Amino acid sequence: MSVGADPRPGLREIEVYDSPQLDVPVRLNTNECPHPLPEDFMKELAAAIRDLPLNRYPDGQMRRLLADLAAASMHRVDGVWAANGSNEVLTELLQAYGGPGRRAVMFEPTYLLHSRLARLTHTEVEPHALPDDFVLGDAEVASVIAADPDVVFVCSPNNPTGNAQPLSAIVGIAQGLPNALVIVDEAYGEFAPAASAQALIATNPNIAITRTFSKAFALAGARIGYLLAAPAVIADLQRVRLPYHLSALTQTAGIVALHHREEASALLGAIRVQRDRISRELRTLPRVTVYPSDANFVLFVPPVDAGLVWQGLLDRGVLVRDLSAVVPNALRVTAGTEHEVDRFLTAIKEVLAA
């Protein structure tokens, strides 16, 4: 008996991507910005959307958004690209530089979506292990060069570990693999600007940097990601992107957000304060391992079963991320508002004292 069309081989072995949320008072599991942009932003966005001719297709070349992004990033405009979240940018890069018969290396533990996107684009995945401190060193650089892949992912700051990777390691990989594309995922880059690889692009045109409006620009709901790269990389993405892939609504949200980037930057300081406060307070708790963070979250290992700690926090109205499947017995907590962090710190102390 027929059960419908057969999908491509292996497709149904890939699990559906899902990130369900629980209705809790304090949600610190998804690394979102806890602060909305100011009322002036909302008013300007509402006025701009009201004037959009939504009966017409959007600007397929995203000219105004890319020009504003180039100015804000201090990067040449023909080396800037945007899409529906950095996930779509990464997918387009893999469509252009990965694919059947080509391999991508990623250093694990890292952002799980990198390997997922590689598989969805028929790109072979070759995982390499990070050292115990999660920092790329000479041995890891040598191993990836010896593997001779077509694409290399470097997440910096790394999710879920939180640490930025040395620029020397990124340069070493790019120069050791001149024909491979080195994708530096800087989704959390604004929290550690000194660690950005952007300046490396000029002398290493095989480095491409992905960023997002979701974290530093407080626009996770708008789904805007962007790329800084050599013009040749952008030209290749033009060949694989979908027509009119970024709506007029999304482009407008990005343009208005860039007008308010100074207010968005001011929020970064408040988030760093809470991140450092979480790290400092967790380190005072007996037998808790806390990893250094350059992002807007903190990875830590409690002295007892992480699943029980996660549930204990949830019972107290605080949701964090259980990452035991990625880093043994580890939990990740996002730096929220001062009040949210108060609730988390009170809860974690109660749970570990129980």
Protein backbone atom coordinates (compact mmCIF):
# COMPACT_ATOMS: atom_id res chain seq x y z
CA MET A 1 0.00 0.00 0.00
CA SER A 2 1.40 3.38 -1.01
CA VAL A 3 2.26 5.84 1.75
CA GLY A 4 3.04 8.75 -0.54
CA ALA A 5 6.11 10.03 -2.32
CA ASP A 6 9.56 8.85 -1.24
CA PRO A 7 11.83 11.66 0.02
CA ARG A 8 15.51 11.80 -0.81
CA PRO A 9 17.62 9.04 0.84
CA GLY A 10 18.48 9.80 4.44
CA LEU A 11 16.10 12.72 4.86
CA ARG A 12 13.84 11.02 7.38
CA GLU A 13 16.87 10.12 9.46
CA ILE A 14 17.27 13.83 10.21
CA GLU A 15 15.20 14.96 13.17
CA VAL A 16 12.86 17.93 12.80
CA TYR A 17 14.47 21.05 14.25
CA ASP A 18 12.44 22.23 17.18
CA SER A 19 13.15 24.63 20.03
CA PRO A 20 10.07 24.49 22.24
CA GLN A 21 9.64 27.09 24.98
CA LEU A 22 8.10 26.69 28.40
CA ASP A 23 5.89 29.35 29.94
CA VAL A 24 8.00 30.39 32.92
CA PRO A 25 8.62 33.73 34.67
CA VAL A 26 12.38 33.73 33.95
CA ARG A 27 13.49 32.37 30.57
CA LEU A 28 17.28 32.23 30.30
CA ASN A 29 17.74 29.39 27.81
CA THR A 30 17.91 30.93 24.33
CA ASN A 31 20.57 33.69 24.50
CA GLU A 32 18.19 36.42 23.40
CA CYS A 33 18.73 40.05 24.36
CA PRO A 34 16.62 40.59 27.50
CA HIS A 35 16.02 44.26 26.73
CA PRO A 36 13.78 45.54 23.91
CA LEU A 37 14.92 48.47 21.83
CA PRO A 38 13.55 51.84 23.02
CA GLU A 39 10.15 53.33 22.25
CA ASP A 40 11.69 55.66 19.65
CA PHE A 41 12.72 52.60 17.65
CA MET A 42 9.19 51.19 17.77
CA LYS A 43 7.68 54.47 16.63
CA GLU A 44 10.13 54.87 13.76
CA LEU A 45 9.61 51.25 12.69
CA ALA A 46 5.82 51.60 12.77
CA ALA A 47 5.97 54.74 10.63
CA ALA A 48 8.35 53.14 8.13
CA ILE A 49 6.23 50.01 7.79
CA ARG A 50 3.07 52.07 7.32
CA ASP A 51 4.63 53.65 4.23
CA LEU A 52 5.81 50.40 2.63
CA PRO A 53 4.24 49.45 -0.73
CA LEU A 54 3.58 45.85 0.27
CA ASN A 55 1.78 45.19 -2.99
CA ARG A 56 5.21 45.36 -4.65
CA TYR A 57 8.15 43.00 -4.40
CA PRO A 58 10.94 44.12 -2.06
CA ASP A 59 14.29 45.37 -3.30
CA GLY A 60 15.91 42.08 -4.28
CA GLN A 61 19.37 43.61 -4.00
CA MET A 62 18.66 45.04 -0.51
CA ARG A 63 20.56 48.17 -1.55
CA ARG A 64 19.69 50.48 1.32
CA LEU A 65 20.07 47.81 4.01
CA LEU A 66 23.45 46.68 2.65
CA ALA A 67 24.67 50.27 2.36
CA ASP A 68 23.70 50.97 5.96
CA LEU A 69 25.25 47.70 7.11
CA ALA A 70 28.47 48.51 5.30
CA ALA A 71 28.64 51.93 6.93
CA ALA A 72 27.90 50.56 10.40
CA SER A 73 30.39 47.70 10.00
CA MET A 74 33.04 49.80 8.24
CA HIS A 75 33.24 47.19 5.50
CA ARG A 76 33.05 47.64 1.73
CA VAL A 77 29.47 47.44 0.51
CA ASP A 78 30.19 44.81 -2.16
CA GLY A 79 31.44 42.57 0.64
CA VAL A 80 28.21 42.68 2.67
CA TRP A 81 25.21 40.36 2.42
CA ALA A 82 22.02 39.83 4.42
CA ALA A 83 19.42 37.08 4.77
CA ASN A 84 16.72 35.67 7.03
CA GLY A 85 18.88 35.16 10.10
CA SER A 86 22.47 34.00 10.08
CA ASN A 87 21.09 30.48 9.59
CA GLU A 88 20.11 31.34 6.02
CA VAL A 89 23.46 33.00 5.42
CA LEU A 90 25.19 29.81 6.58
CA THR A 91 22.92 27.71 4.36
CA GLU A 92 23.75 29.84 1.33
CA LEU A 93 27.48 29.57 2.07
CA LEU A 94 27.17 25.79 2.21
CA GLN A 95 25.14 25.75 -1.01
CA ALA A 96 27.93 27.68 -2.68
CA TYR A 97 31.01 26.07 -1.11
CA GLY A 98 29.77 22.75 0.27
CA GLY A 99 27.50 20.19 -1.34
CA PRO A 100 27.91 16.63 -2.64
CA GLY A 101 31.49 15.38 -2.59
CA ARG A 102 32.69 18.25 -0.39
CA ARG A 103 33.55 18.28 3.33
CA ALA A 104 33.10 20.71 6.20
CA VAL A 105 35.12 20.57 9.41
CA MET A 106 33.70 21.87 12.68
CA PHE A 107 35.31 21.96 16.08
CA GLU A 108 33.11 20.37 18.73
CA PRO A 109 31.46 21.11 21.07
CA THR A 110 29.95 23.93 19.04
CA TYR A 111 26.70 25.23 17.60
CA LEU A 112 24.75 22.12 16.62
CA LEU A 113 23.06 23.82 13.67
CA HIS A 114 26.37 24.00 11.75
CA SER A 115 26.47 20.23 11.27
CA ARG A 116 22.73 20.09 10.64
CA LEU A 117 22.93 22.65 7.83
CA ALA A 118 25.88 20.82 6.34
CA ARG A 119 23.92 17.58 6.18
CA LEU A 120 20.89 19.31 4.70
CA THR A 121 23.08 20.66 1.89
CA HIS A 122 24.63 17.19 1.29
CA THR A 123 27.97 18.38 2.70
CA GLU A 124 30.02 15.74 4.48
CA VAL A 125 30.62 16.59 8.15
CA GLU A 126 34.01 15.94 9.75
CA PRO A 127 34.04 16.79 13.46
CA HIS A 128 37.30 17.72 15.20
CA ALA A 129 37.51 17.92 18.98
CA LEU A 130 38.36 21.11 20.82
CA PRO A 131 40.90 20.72 23.66
CA ASP A 132 39.76 20.61 27.28
CA ASP A 133 39.81 24.42 27.59
CA PHE A 134 37.85 24.75 24.29
CA VAL A 135 40.51 27.11 22.83
CA LEU A 136 41.94 26.37 19.38
CA GLY A 137 45.70 25.77 19.50
CA ASP A 138 48.48 24.71 17.16
CA ALA A 139 47.46 21.06 17.30
CA GLU A 140 43.89 21.79 16.21
CA VAL A 141 45.08 24.08 13.41
CA ALA A 142 47.47 21.40 12.16
CA SER A 143 44.76 18.73 12.28
CA VAL A 144 42.30 20.70 10.18
CA ILE A 145 44.96 21.63 7.62
CA ALA A 146 45.92 17.95 7.33
CA ALA A 147 42.24 17.07 6.77
CA ASP A 148 42.14 19.40 3.72
CA PRO A 149 38.40 20.20 3.85
CA ASP A 150 36.45 22.54 1.59
CA VAL A 151 34.78 24.47 4.44
CA VAL A 152 35.86 25.11 8.03
CA PHE A 153 33.55 26.45 10.74
CA VAL A 154 35.00 28.48 13.60
CA CYS A 155 32.43 29.72 16.11
CA SER A 156 33.83 32.71 18.02
CA PRO A 157 32.66 33.33 20.70
CA ASN A 158 31.81 29.67 20.67
CA ASN A 159 28.34 28.41 21.51
CA PRO A 160 27.88 26.73 23.97
CA THR A 161 31.28 27.22 25.64
CA GLY A 162 31.31 31.04 25.45
CA ASN A 163 34.98 31.62 24.65
CA ALA A 164 36.35 33.57 21.70
CA GLN A 165 38.96 31.81 19.55
CA PRO A 166 42.46 33.25 18.97
CA LEU A 167 42.81 35.26 15.77
CA SER A 168 46.16 33.55 15.22
CA ALA A 169 44.36 30.20 14.94
CA ILE A 170 41.86 31.58 12.41
CA VAL A 171 44.68 33.07 10.32
CA GLY A 172 46.61 29.82 10.53
CA ILE A 173 43.66 27.83 9.21
CA ALA A 174 42.90 30.32 6.43
CA GLN A 175 46.50 30.48 5.24
CA GLY A 176 47.03 26.73 5.58
CA LEU A 177 43.89 26.06 3.50
CA PRO A 178 43.91 28.84 0.86
CA ASN A 179 41.29 27.08 -1.28
CA ALA A 180 38.86 26.40 1.58
CA LEU A 181 36.26 28.80 2.93
CA VAL A 182 36.75 29.57 6.63
CA ILE A 183 33.38 30.59 8.10
CA VAL A 184 33.73 32.51 11.36
CA ASP A 185 30.39 32.55 13.13
CA GLU A 186 30.34 35.75 15.19
CA ALA A 187 26.73 35.61 16.34
CA TYR A 188 27.98 36.78 19.75
CA GLY A 189 30.81 38.89 18.37
CA GLU A 190 29.53 42.23 19.64
CA PHE A 191 30.07 41.01 23.21
CA ALA A 192 33.80 40.59 22.45
CA PRO A 193 34.62 43.13 19.71
CA ALA A 194 38.39 42.87 20.17
CA ALA A 195 38.19 39.21 19.15
CA SER A 196 36.50 39.86 15.79
CA ALA A 197 38.15 38.40 12.72
CA GLN A 198 36.83 41.15 10.43
CA ALA A 199 40.22 42.80 9.92
CA LEU A 200 41.60 39.50 8.62
CA ILE A 201 39.39 39.48 5.51
CA ALA A 202 41.50 42.07 3.66
CA THR A 203 44.53 39.77 3.55
CA ASN A 204 42.66 36.48 3.78
CA PRO A 205 39.80 36.58 1.23
CA ASN A 206 38.80 33.00 2.12
CA ILE A 207 37.54 34.17 5.54
CA ALA A 208 33.80 34.93 5.76
CA ILE A 209 32.18 36.29 8.93
CA THR A 210 28.51 35.73 9.80
CA ARG A 211 26.67 37.90 12.32
CA THR A 212 23.11 38.44 13.47
CA PHE A 213 20.70 41.14 14.64
CA SER A 214 19.22 38.65 17.14
CA LYS A 215 21.61 39.30 20.03
CA ALA A 216 23.27 42.71 20.03
CA PHE A 217 20.47 44.43 18.11
CA ALA A 218 17.67 42.89 20.21
CA LEU A 219 15.84 41.75 17.06
CA ALA A 220 15.58 37.96 17.35
CA GLY A 221 11.97 38.19 16.18
CA ALA A 222 12.86 39.99 12.95
CA ARG A 223 15.24 37.26 11.68
CA ILE A 224 18.10 39.24 10.15
CA GLY A 225 21.57 37.84 9.66
CA TYR A 226 24.43 39.24 7.64
CA LEU A 227 27.80 38.39 6.17
CA LEU A 228 31.09 40.28 5.88
CA ALA A 229 33.36 38.76 3.25
CA ALA A 230 35.38 39.35 0.11
CA PRO A 231 33.31 40.55 -2.89
CA ALA A 232 33.88 37.24 -4.70
CA VAL A 233 32.11 35.36 -1.89
CA ILE A 234 29.13 37.71 -2.07
CA ALA A 235 28.99 37.19 -5.85
CA ASP A 236 28.80 33.44 -5.30
CA LEU A 237 25.92 33.84 -2.84
CA GLN A 238 24.06 35.86 -5.45
CA ARG A 239 24.04 32.69 -7.54
CA VAL A 240 22.38 30.48 -4.91
CA ARG A 241 20.05 32.84 -3.04
CA LEU A 242 16.31 32.70 -3.56
CA PRO A 243 14.59 35.58 -5.39
CA TYR A 244 13.40 38.36 -3.06
CA HIS A 245 14.62 36.32 -0.11
CA LEU A 246 14.48 39.20 2.40
CA SER A 247 11.06 40.83 2.76
CA ALA A 248 10.47 44.56 2.72
CA LEU A 249 9.31 44.29 6.34
CA THR A 250 12.53 42.60 7.41
CA GLN A 251 14.75 44.98 5.46
CA THR A 252 12.97 47.92 7.04
CA ALA A 253 13.40 46.51 10.55
CA GLY A 254 17.13 46.19 9.89
CA ILE A 255 17.46 49.70 8.51
CA VAL A 256 15.62 51.24 11.47
CA ALA A 257 17.62 49.14 13.95
CA LEU A 258 20.85 50.42 12.44
CA HIS A 259 19.60 53.97 13.03
CA HIS A 260 19.38 53.04 16.71
CA ARG A 261 22.64 51.10 16.95
CA GLU A 262 23.98 53.45 19.65
CA GLU A 263 21.05 52.53 21.91
CA ALA A 264 21.60 48.87 21.08
CA SER A 265 25.30 49.19 21.92
CA ALA A 266 24.40 50.70 25.28
CA LEU A 267 22.47 47.52 26.12
CA LEU A 268 25.62 45.44 25.60
CA GLY A 269 27.26 46.96 28.65
CA ALA A 270 24.32 46.05 30.87
CA ILE A 271 24.35 42.49 29.54
CA ARG A 272 28.10 42.11 30.14
CA VAL A 273 27.61 43.27 33.72
CA GLN A 274 25.05 40.54 34.34
CA ARG A 275 27.15 37.91 32.53
CA ASP A 276 30.15 38.72 34.70
CA ARG A 277 27.96 38.78 37.80
CA ILE A 278 26.66 35.27 37.01
CA SER A 279 30.22 33.99 36.54
CA ARG A 280 31.44 35.65 39.73
CA GLU A 281 28.58 34.37 41.87
CA LEU A 282 28.69 30.83 40.49
CA ARG A 283 32.40 30.63 41.28
CA THR A 284 31.60 31.20 44.95
CA LEU A 285 29.52 28.01 45.05
CA PRO A 286 31.31 24.83 46.15
CA ARG A 287 32.48 22.48 43.40
CA VAL A 288 30.83 24.40 40.56
CA THR A 289 32.95 24.63 37.40
CA VAL A 290 32.44 27.90 35.49
CA TYR A 291 33.87 28.42 32.01
CA PRO A 292 35.09 31.89 30.92
CA SER A 293 32.65 33.66 28.61
CA ASP A 294 33.03 36.33 25.93
CA ALA A 295 29.35 35.96 24.95
CA ASN A 296 26.01 36.78 26.63
CA PHE A 297 25.76 33.46 28.46
CA VAL A 298 27.71 31.33 30.93
CA LEU A 299 28.38 27.60 30.73
CA PHE A 300 28.80 25.84 34.06
CA VAL A 301 28.94 22.33 35.50
CA PRO A 302 27.14 21.78 38.82
CA PRO A 303 28.50 19.32 41.40
CA VAL A 304 25.41 17.11 41.07
CA ASP A 305 23.34 15.78 38.18
CA ALA A 306 22.66 18.60 35.72
CA GLY A 307 19.21 17.25 34.86
CA LEU A 308 18.16 17.43 38.50
CA VAL A 309 19.53 20.96 38.79
CA TRP A 310 17.69 21.96 35.61
CA GLN A 311 14.44 20.62 37.02
CA GLY A 312 15.04 22.28 40.37
CA LEU A 313 15.52 25.62 38.65
CA LEU A 314 12.41 25.07 36.55
CA ASP A 315 10.40 24.26 39.69
CA ARG A 316 11.44 27.72 40.90
CA GLY A 317 10.33 29.42 37.69
CA VAL A 318 13.76 29.68 36.03
CA LEU A 319 14.49 28.03 32.67
CA VAL A 320 18.09 27.43 31.58
CA ARG A 321 19.53 25.12 28.88
CA ASP A 322 20.59 21.59 29.70
CA LEU A 323 23.58 20.87 27.46
CA SER A 324 24.64 17.59 29.02
CA ALA A 325 24.48 15.92 25.61
CA VAL A 326 27.09 18.37 24.30
CA VAL A 327 29.30 19.10 27.33
CA PRO A 328 29.08 16.46 30.10
CA ASN A 329 26.77 17.54 32.93
CA ALA A 330 26.77 21.18 31.77
CA LEU A 331 24.10 23.87 31.95
CA ARG A 332 24.04 27.19 30.09
CA VAL A 333 22.40 30.33 31.44
CA THR A 334 21.77 33.50 29.44
CA ALA A 335 22.61 36.88 30.97
CA GLY A 336 19.15 38.39 31.52
CA THR A 337 17.96 41.53 33.23
CA GLU A 338 19.17 42.30 36.75
CA HIS A 339 15.88 40.99 38.14
CA GLU A 340 16.08 37.77 36.10
CA VAL A 341 19.64 37.17 37.23
CA ASP A 342 18.56 37.79 40.84
CA ARG A 343 15.96 35.06 40.43
CA PHE A 344 18.46 32.66 38.85
CA LEU A 345 21.13 33.17 41.50
CA THR A 346 18.63 32.72 44.32
CA ALA A 347 17.25 29.59 42.67
CA ILE A 348 20.61 27.94 41.91
CA LYS A 349 21.78 28.49 45.48
CA GLU A 350 18.58 26.92 46.81
CA VAL A 351 18.82 23.94 44.47
CA LEU A 352 22.47 23.19 45.28
CA ALA A 353 21.84 23.59 49.00
CA ALA A 354 18.92 21.16 48.97
